[in-house]
Amino acid sequence: MSSSRNNTLEFSSVGSEVLDAGDSVTGKKYGAIQIITDTNFSTLTANNVDQSSAVLTGVGIGAGTILYGQFSAVAVTSGLVICHKY
């Protein structure tokens, strides 16, 4: 049985960061963003997600959502997220 890349990612071994309203980070690498409370982003840049900033900023993303990608810039307008490093 083949395994996908997602099955082999080990987010817990490299750590996570909690960001809430007003927090922003650039230049770090996150493989997943877990939405803890309903969240709005003013910046969300992913190298491998087409139009990530245009599509995912300024809209509410519901609690419980997990976004996967190669995120390099995150700015939280409102809400609470956990950014998992890779």
PDB file of N, CA and C in Angstrom:
ATOM      1  N   MET A   1       0.852  -1.180   0.000  1.00  0.00           N
ATOM      2  CA  MET A   1       0.000   0.000   0.000  1.00  0.00           C
ATOM      3  C   MET A   1       0.895   1.239   0.000  1.00  0.00           C
ATOM      4  N   SER A   2       0.641   2.132  -0.901  1.00  0.00           N
ATOM      5  CA  SER A   2       1.442   3.353  -0.949  1.00  0.00           C
ATOM      6  C   SER A   2       0.916   4.359   0.068  1.00  0.00           C
ATOM      7  N   SER A   3       1.800   5.225   0.515  1.00  0.00           N
ATOM      8  CA  SER A   3       1.365   6.262   1.459  1.00  0.00           C
ATOM      9  C   SER A   3       1.532   7.622   0.813  1.00  0.00           C
ATOM     10  N   SER A   4       0.627   8.512   1.116  1.00  0.00           N
ATOM     11  CA  SER A   4       0.714   9.864   0.577  1.00  0.00           C
ATOM     12  C   SER A   4       1.641  10.694   1.438  1.00  0.00           C
ATOM     13  N   ARG A   5       2.062  11.823   0.909  1.00  0.00           N
ATOM     14  CA  ARG A   5       2.941  12.726   1.655  1.00  0.00           C
ATOM     15  C   ARG A   5       2.265  13.184   2.936  1.00  0.00           C
ATOM     16  N   ASN A   6       0.946  13.434   2.914  1.00  0.00           N
ATOM     17  CA  ASN A   6       0.244  13.894   4.114  1.00  0.00           C
ATOM     18  C   ASN A   6       0.320  12.881   5.243  1.00  0.00           C
ATOM     19  N   ASN A   7       0.338  11.600   4.914  1.00  0.00           N
ATOM     20  CA  ASN A   7       0.423  10.586   5.946  1.00  0.00           C
ATOM     21  C   ASN A   7       1.783  10.558   6.628  1.00  0.00           C
ATOM     22  N   THR A   8       2.805  11.124   6.000  1.00  0.00           N
ATOM     23  CA  THR A   8       4.138  11.066   6.569  1.00  0.00           C
ATOM     24  C   THR A   8       4.567  12.361   7.246  1.00  0.00           C
ATOM     25  N   LEU A   9       3.760  13.401   7.156  1.00  0.00           N
ATOM     26  CA  LEU A   9       4.110  14.665   7.805  1.00  0.00           C
ATOM     27  C   LEU A   9       4.049  14.514   9.316  1.00  0.00           C
ATOM     28  N   GLU A  10       5.021  15.065   9.988  1.00  0.00           N
ATOM     29  CA  GLU A  10       5.061  14.976  11.440  1.00  0.00           C
ATOM     30  C   GLU A  10       5.068  16.372  12.034  1.00  0.00           C
ATOM     31  N   PHE A  11       3.912  16.993  12.086  1.00  0.00           N
ATOM     32  CA  PHE A  11       3.830  18.356  12.579  1.00  0.00           C
ATOM     33  C   PHE A  11       4.267  18.467  14.034  1.00  0.00           C
ATOM     34  N   SER A  12       3.925  17.498  14.838  1.00  0.00           N
ATOM     35  CA  SER A  12       4.200  17.591  16.269  1.00  0.00           C
ATOM     36  C   SER A  12       5.688  17.587  16.584  1.00  0.00           C
ATOM     37  N   SER A  13       6.511  17.034  15.708  1.00  0.00           N
ATOM     38  CA  SER A  13       7.938  16.941  16.004  1.00  0.00           C
ATOM     39  C   SER A  13       8.680  18.262  15.797  1.00  0.00           C
ATOM     40  N   VAL A  14       8.097  19.209  15.102  1.00  0.00           N
ATOM     41  CA  VAL A  14       8.772  20.481  14.859  1.00  0.00           C
ATOM     42  C   VAL A  14       8.080  21.662  15.519  1.00  0.00           C
ATOM     43  N   GLY A  15       6.933  21.437  16.144  1.00  0.00           N
ATOM     44  CA  GLY A  15       6.291  22.475  16.935  1.00  0.00           C
ATOM     45  C   GLY A  15       5.164  23.206  16.240  1.00  0.00           C
ATOM     46  N   SER A  16       4.515  24.031  17.019  1.00  0.00           N
ATOM     47  CA  SER A  16       3.372  24.810  16.557  1.00  0.00           C
ATOM     48  C   SER A  16       3.411  26.184  17.204  1.00  0.00           C
ATOM     49  N   GLU A  17       2.640  27.101  16.645  1.00  0.00           N
ATOM     50  CA  GLU A  17       2.500  28.437  17.217  1.00  0.00           C
ATOM     51  C   GLU A  17       1.030  28.808  17.257  1.00  0.00           C
ATOM     52  N   VAL A  18       0.621  29.453  18.327  1.00  0.00           N
ATOM     53  CA  VAL A  18      -0.751  29.931  18.459  1.00  0.00           C
ATOM     54  C   VAL A  18      -0.770  31.408  18.057  1.00  0.00           C
ATOM     55  N   LEU A  19      -1.678  31.749  17.151  1.00  0.00           N
ATOM     56  CA  LEU A  19      -1.852  33.136  16.720  1.00  0.00           C
ATOM     57  C   LEU A  19      -3.290  33.538  16.973  1.00  0.00           C
ATOM     58  N   ASP A  20      -3.483  34.757  17.496  1.00  0.00           N
ATOM     59  CA  ASP A  20      -4.846  35.266  17.653  1.00  0.00           C
ATOM     60  C   ASP A  20      -4.945  36.640  17.033  1.00  0.00           C
ATOM     61  N   ALA A  21      -6.079  37.289  17.214  1.00  0.00           N
ATOM     62  CA  ALA A  21      -6.358  38.563  16.558  1.00  0.00           C
ATOM     63  C   ALA A  21      -5.199  39.540  16.713  1.00  0.00           C
ATOM     64  N   GLY A  22      -4.757  40.088  15.601  1.00  0.00           N
ATOM     65  CA  GLY A  22      -3.677  41.071  15.597  1.00  0.00           C
ATOM     66  C   GLY A  22      -2.296  40.476  15.386  1.00  0.00           C
ATOM     67  N   ASP A  23      -2.154  39.159  15.485  1.00  0.00           N
ATOM     68  CA  ASP A  23      -0.852  38.522  15.283  1.00  0.00           C
ATOM     69  C   ASP A  23      -0.584  38.326  13.799  1.00  0.00           C
ATOM     70  N   SER A  24       0.687  38.492  13.422  1.00  0.00           N
ATOM     71  CA  SER A  24       1.092  38.201  12.046  1.00  0.00           C
ATOM     72  C   SER A  24       2.510  37.644  12.052  1.00  0.00           C
ATOM     73  N   VAL A  25       2.755  36.757  11.110  1.00  0.00           N
ATOM     74  CA  VAL A  25       4.058  36.091  10.999  1.00  0.00           C
ATOM     75  C   VAL A  25       4.399  35.986   9.526  1.00  0.00           C
ATOM     76  N   THR A  26       5.655  36.286   9.180  1.00  0.00           N
ATOM     77  CA  THR A  26       6.130  36.080   7.818  1.00  0.00           C
ATOM     78  C   THR A  26       7.471  35.381   7.883  1.00  0.00           C
ATOM     79  N   GLY A  27       7.769  34.640   6.826  1.00  0.00           N
ATOM     80  CA  GLY A  27       9.069  33.993   6.719  1.00  0.00           C
ATOM     81  C   GLY A  27       9.182  32.639   7.396  1.00  0.00           C
ATOM     82  N   LYS A  28       8.181  32.227   8.142  1.00  0.00           N
ATOM     83  CA  LYS A  28       8.213  30.898   8.755  1.00  0.00           C
ATOM     84  C   LYS A  28       7.466  29.936   7.842  1.00  0.00           C
ATOM     85  N   LYS A  29       7.660  28.649   8.070  1.00  0.00           N
ATOM     86  CA  LYS A  29       7.011  27.646   7.228  1.00  0.00           C
ATOM     87  C   LYS A  29       6.022  26.840   8.047  1.00  0.00           C
ATOM     88  N   TYR A  30       4.764  26.897   7.616  1.00  0.00           N
ATOM     89  CA  TYR A  30       3.702  26.140   8.268  1.00  0.00           C
ATOM     90  C   TYR A  30       3.105  25.166   7.258  1.00  0.00           C
ATOM     91  N   GLY A  31       2.854  23.940   7.691  1.00  0.00           N
ATOM     92  CA  GLY A  31       2.260  22.932   6.816  1.00  0.00           C
ATOM     93  C   GLY A  31       0.769  22.804   7.003  1.00  0.00           C
ATOM     94  N   ALA A  32       0.263  23.323   8.122  1.00  0.00           N
ATOM     95  CA  ALA A  32      -1.175  23.260   8.382  1.00  0.00           C
ATOM     96  C   ALA A  32      -1.558  24.394   9.320  1.00  0.00           C
ATOM     97  N   ILE A  33      -2.755  24.908   9.138  1.00  0.00           N
ATOM     98  CA  ILE A  33      -3.311  25.928  10.031  1.00  0.00           C
ATOM     99  C   ILE A  33      -4.643  25.401  10.532  1.00  0.00           C
ATOM    100  N   GLN A  34      -4.722  25.216  11.828  1.00  0.00           N
ATOM    101  CA  GLN A  34      -5.927  24.686  12.464  1.00  0.00           C
ATOM    102  C   GLN A  34      -6.737  25.849  13.027  1.00  0.00           C
ATOM    103  N   ILE A  35      -7.985  25.974  12.618  1.00  0.00           N
ATOM    104  CA  ILE A  35      -8.853  27.067  13.045  1.00  0.00           C
ATOM    105  C   ILE A  35      -9.540  26.656  14.346  1.00  0.00           C
ATOM    106  N   ILE A  36      -9.233  27.360  15.442  1.00  0.00           N
ATOM    107  CA  ILE A  36      -9.782  27.024  16.753  1.00  0.00           C
ATOM    108  C   ILE A  36     -11.118  27.736  16.985  1.00  0.00           C
ATOM    109  N   THR A  37     -11.173  29.022  16.703  1.00  0.00           N
ATOM    110  CA  THR A  37     -12.431  29.771  16.734  1.00  0.00           C
ATOM    111  C   THR A  37     -12.612  30.408  15.358  1.00  0.00           C
ATOM    112  N   ASP A  38     -13.842  30.744  15.003  1.00  0.00           N
ATOM    113  CA  ASP A  38     -14.093  31.361  13.693  1.00  0.00           C
ATOM    114  C   ASP A  38     -13.063  32.461  13.458  1.00  0.00           C
ATOM    115  N   THR A  39     -12.446  32.448  12.271  1.00  0.00           N
ATOM    116  CA  THR A  39     -11.279  33.279  12.010  1.00  0.00           C
ATOM    117  C   THR A  39     -11.384  34.004  10.683  1.00  0.00           C
ATOM    118  N   ASN A  40     -10.842  35.225  10.654  1.00  0.00           N
ATOM    119  CA  ASN A  40     -10.623  35.993   9.429  1.00  0.00           C
ATOM    120  C   ASN A  40      -9.136  36.286   9.317  1.00  0.00           C
ATOM    121  N   PHE A  41      -8.600  36.166   8.114  1.00  0.00           N
ATOM    122  CA  PHE A  41      -7.201  36.491   7.847  1.00  0.00           C
ATOM    123  C   PHE A  41      -7.127  37.746   6.996  1.00  0.00           C
ATOM    124  N   SER A  42      -6.118  38.594   7.252  1.00  0.00           N
ATOM    125  CA  SER A  42      -5.853  39.711   6.346  1.00  0.00           C
ATOM    126  C   SER A  42      -4.732  39.340   5.389  1.00  0.00           C
ATOM    127  N   THR A  43      -3.901  38.365   5.780  1.00  0.00           N
ATOM    128  CA  THR A  43      -2.852  37.833   4.917  1.00  0.00           C
ATOM    129  C   THR A  43      -2.803  36.334   5.111  1.00  0.00           C
ATOM    130  N   LEU A  44      -2.737  35.620   4.002  1.00  0.00           N
ATOM    131  CA  LEU A  44      -2.564  34.172   4.044  1.00  0.00           C
ATOM    132  C   LEU A  44      -1.897  33.778   2.740  1.00  0.00           C
ATOM    133  N   THR A  45      -0.600  33.549   2.789  1.00  0.00           N
ATOM    134  CA  THR A  45       0.182  33.266   1.594  1.00  0.00           C
ATOM    135  C   THR A  45       0.689  31.832   1.636  1.00  0.00           C
ATOM    136  N   ALA A  46       0.374  31.086   0.596  1.00  0.00           N
ATOM    137  CA  ALA A  46       0.835  29.704   0.468  1.00  0.00           C
ATOM    138  C   ALA A  46       1.476  29.526  -0.900  1.00  0.00           C
ATOM    139  N   ASN A  47       2.675  28.964  -0.920  1.00  0.00           N
ATOM    140  CA  ASN A  47       3.394  28.786  -2.176  1.00  0.00           C
ATOM    141  C   ASN A  47       2.727  27.775  -3.099  1.00  0.00           C
ATOM    142  N   ASN A  48       1.977  26.835  -2.545  1.00  0.00           N
ATOM    143  CA  ASN A  48       1.412  25.783  -3.371  1.00  0.00           C
ATOM    144  C   ASN A  48      -0.118  25.797  -3.420  1.00  0.00           C
ATOM    145  N   VAL A  49      -0.731  26.907  -3.034  1.00  0.00           N
ATOM    146  CA  VAL A  49      -2.183  27.044  -3.123  1.00  0.00           C
ATOM    147  C   VAL A  49      -2.467  28.244  -4.017  1.00  0.00           C
ATOM    148  N   ASP A  50      -3.037  27.995  -5.182  1.00  0.00           N
ATOM    149  CA  ASP A  50      -3.311  29.078  -6.123  1.00  0.00           C
ATOM    150  C   ASP A  50      -4.246  30.109  -5.510  1.00  0.00           C
ATOM    151  N   GLN A  51      -3.893  31.358  -5.626  1.00  0.00           N
ATOM    152  CA  GLN A  51      -4.710  32.487  -5.182  1.00  0.00           C
ATOM    153  C   GLN A  51      -5.100  32.409  -3.716  1.00  0.00           C
ATOM    154  N   SER A  52      -4.197  31.896  -2.869  1.00  0.00           N
ATOM    155  CA  SER A  52      -4.541  31.733  -1.451  1.00  0.00           C
ATOM    156  C   SER A  52      -4.920  33.051  -0.795  1.00  0.00           C
ATOM    157  N   SER A  53      -4.178  34.115  -1.080  1.00  0.00           N
ATOM    158  CA  SER A  53      -4.499  35.392  -0.452  1.00  0.00           C
ATOM    159  C   SER A  53      -5.807  35.957  -0.978  1.00  0.00           C
ATOM    160  N   ALA A  54      -6.036  35.847  -2.255  1.00  0.00           N
ATOM    161  CA  ALA A  54      -7.248  36.418  -2.853  1.00  0.00           C
ATOM    162  C   ALA A  54      -8.501  35.678  -2.407  1.00  0.00           C
ATOM    163  N   VAL A  55      -8.412  34.385  -2.222  1.00  0.00           N
ATOM    164  CA  VAL A  55      -9.596  33.580  -1.933  1.00  0.00           C
ATOM    165  C   VAL A  55      -9.865  33.463  -0.440  1.00  0.00           C
ATOM    166  N   LEU A  56      -8.833  33.377   0.383  1.00  0.00           N
ATOM    167  CA  LEU A  56      -9.012  33.056   1.793  1.00  0.00           C
ATOM    168  C   LEU A  56      -8.889  34.242   2.743  1.00  0.00           C
ATOM    169  N   THR A  57      -8.677  35.431   2.235  1.00  0.00           N
ATOM    170  CA  THR A  57      -8.616  36.596   3.119  1.00  0.00           C
ATOM    171  C   THR A  57      -9.937  37.357   3.055  1.00  0.00           C
ATOM    172  N   GLY A  58     -10.305  37.906   4.187  1.00  0.00           N
ATOM    173  CA  GLY A  58     -11.519  38.710   4.249  1.00  0.00           C
ATOM    174  C   GLY A  58     -12.810  37.911   4.341  1.00  0.00           C
ATOM    175  N   VAL A  59     -12.693  36.598   4.432  1.00  0.00           N
ATOM    176  CA  VAL A  59     -13.886  35.755   4.597  1.00  0.00           C
ATOM    177  C   VAL A  59     -13.750  34.979   5.892  1.00  0.00           C
ATOM    178  N   GLY A  60     -14.859  34.669   6.524  1.00  0.00           N
ATOM    179  CA  GLY A  60     -14.826  33.903   7.757  1.00  0.00           C
ATOM    180  C   GLY A  60     -14.575  32.430   7.480  1.00  0.00           C
ATOM    181  N   ILE A  61     -13.655  31.851   8.216  1.00  0.00           N
ATOM    182  CA  ILE A  61     -13.381  30.423   8.122  1.00  0.00           C
ATOM    183  C   ILE A  61     -13.778  29.817   9.461  1.00  0.00           C
ATOM    184  N   GLY A  62     -14.638  28.825   9.414  1.00  0.00           N
ATOM    185  CA  GLY A  62     -15.238  28.268  10.612  1.00  0.00           C
ATOM    186  C   GLY A  62     -14.304  27.442  11.476  1.00  0.00           C
ATOM    187  N   ALA A  63     -14.577  27.468  12.784  1.00  0.00           N
ATOM    188  CA  ALA A  63     -13.830  26.663  13.749  1.00  0.00           C
ATOM    189  C   ALA A  63     -13.888  25.197  13.337  1.00  0.00           C
ATOM    190  N   GLY A  64     -12.780  24.509  13.539  1.00  0.00           N
ATOM    191  CA  GLY A  64     -12.694  23.102  13.209  1.00  0.00           C
ATOM    192  C   GLY A  64     -12.078  22.831  11.846  1.00  0.00           C
ATOM    193  N   THR A  65     -11.924  23.874  11.040  1.00  0.00           N
ATOM    194  CA  THR A  65     -11.319  23.732   9.720  1.00  0.00           C
ATOM    195  C   THR A  65      -9.806  23.597   9.854  1.00  0.00           C
ATOM    196  N   ILE A  66      -9.211  22.780   9.011  1.00  0.00           N
ATOM    197  CA  ILE A  66      -7.751  22.686   8.935  1.00  0.00           C
ATOM    198  C   ILE A  66      -7.357  22.982   7.495  1.00  0.00           C
ATOM    199  N   LEU A  67      -6.478  23.959   7.323  1.00  0.00           N
ATOM    200  CA  LEU A  67      -5.971  24.324   6.007  1.00  0.00           C
ATOM    201  C   LEU A  67      -4.586  23.701   5.842  1.00  0.00           C
ATOM    202  N   TYR A  68      -4.374  22.980   4.749  1.00  0.00           N
ATOM    203  CA  TYR A  68      -3.075  22.375   4.469  1.00  0.00           C
ATOM    204  C   TYR A  68      -2.412  23.109   3.321  1.00  0.00           C
ATOM    205  N   GLY A  69      -1.108  23.287   3.389  1.00  0.00           N
ATOM    206  CA  GLY A  69      -0.357  23.954   2.338  1.00  0.00           C
ATOM    207  C   GLY A  69       1.035  24.255   2.827  1.00  0.00           C
ATOM    208  N   GLN A  70       1.725  25.101   2.096  1.00  0.00           N
ATOM    209  CA  GLN A  70       3.055  25.574   2.481  1.00  0.00           C
ATOM    210  C   GLN A  70       2.936  27.068   2.742  1.00  0.00           C
ATOM    211  N   PHE A  71       2.465  27.409   3.934  1.00  0.00           N
ATOM    212  CA  PHE A  71       2.178  28.798   4.285  1.00  0.00           C
ATOM    213  C   PHE A  71       3.438  29.518   4.750  1.00  0.00           C
ATOM    214  N   SER A  72       3.662  30.722   4.214  1.00  0.00           N
ATOM    215  CA  SER A  72       4.844  31.503   4.578  1.00  0.00           C
ATOM    216  C   SER A  72       4.495  32.857   5.190  1.00  0.00           C
ATOM    217  N   ALA A  73       3.232  33.262   5.121  1.00  0.00           N
ATOM    218  CA  ALA A  73       2.792  34.519   5.728  1.00  0.00           C
ATOM    219  C   ALA A  73       1.355  34.357   6.217  1.00  0.00           C
ATOM    220  N   VAL A  74       1.144  34.705   7.481  1.00  0.00           N
ATOM    221  CA  VAL A  74      -0.174  34.582   8.091  1.00  0.00           C
ATOM    222  C   VAL A  74      -0.423  35.818   8.942  1.00  0.00           C
ATOM    223  N   ALA A  75      -1.557  36.467   8.758  1.00  0.00           N
ATOM    224  CA  ALA A  75      -1.974  37.583   9.612  1.00  0.00           C
ATOM    225  C   ALA A  75      -3.432  37.360   9.980  1.00  0.00           C
ATOM    226  N   VAL A  76      -3.686  37.260  11.281  1.00  0.00           N
ATOM    227  CA  VAL A  76      -5.023  36.972  11.789  1.00  0.00           C
ATOM    228  C   VAL A  76      -5.718  38.288  12.138  1.00  0.00           C
ATOM    229  N   THR A  77      -6.860  38.542  11.510  1.00  0.00           N
ATOM    230  CA  THR A  77      -7.651  39.734  11.812  1.00  0.00           C
ATOM    231  C   THR A  77      -8.489  39.492  13.057  1.00  0.00           C
ATOM    232  N   SER A  78      -9.168  38.334  13.086  1.00  0.00           N
ATOM    233  CA  SER A  78      -9.964  37.955  14.249  1.00  0.00           C
ATOM    234  C   SER A  78      -9.949  36.437  14.342  1.00  0.00           C
ATOM    235  N   GLY A  79     -10.063  35.944  15.567  1.00  0.00           N
ATOM    236  CA  GLY A  79     -10.111  34.503  15.768  1.00  0.00           C
ATOM    237  C   GLY A  79      -8.856  33.969  16.445  1.00  0.00           C
ATOM    238  N   LEU A  80      -8.730  32.652  16.426  1.00  0.00           N
ATOM    239  CA  LEU A  80      -7.618  31.952  17.067  1.00  0.00           C
ATOM    240  C   LEU A  80      -7.251  30.751  16.217  1.00  0.00           C
ATOM    241  N   VAL A  81      -5.949  30.614  15.890  1.00  0.00           N
ATOM    242  CA  VAL A  81      -5.483  29.507  15.079  1.00  0.00           C
ATOM    243  C   VAL A  81      -4.215  28.896  15.691  1.00  0.00           C
ATOM    244  N   ILE A  82      -3.949  27.657  15.304  1.00  0.00           N
ATOM    245  CA  ILE A  82      -2.684  27.018  15.639  1.00  0.00           C
ATOM    246  C   ILE A  82      -1.992  26.712  14.318  1.00  0.00           C
ATOM    247  N   CYS A  83      -0.795  27.249  14.144  1.00  0.00           N
ATOM    248  CA  CYS A  83      -0.017  27.036  12.937  1.00  0.00           C
ATOM    249  C   CYS A  83       1.021  25.959  13.203  1.00  0.00           C
ATOM    250  N   HIS A  84       0.955  24.878  12.460  1.00  0.00           N
ATOM    251  CA  HIS A  84       1.835  23.733  12.663  1.00  0.00           C
ATOM    252  C   HIS A  84       3.021  23.846  11.697  1.00  0.00           C
ATOM    253  N   LYS A  85       4.225  23.893  12.269  1.00  0.00           N
ATOM    254  CA  LYS A  85       5.445  24.034  11.476  1.00  0.00           C
ATOM    255  C   LYS A  85       5.755  22.729  10.760  1.00  0.00           C
ATOM    256  N   TYR A  86       6.521  22.865   9.677  1.00  0.00           N
ATOM    257  CA  TYR A  86       7.021  21.665   8.995  1.00  0.00           C
ATOM    258  C   TYR A  86       8.482  21.822   8.698  1.00  0.00           C
TER     259      TYR A  86
END
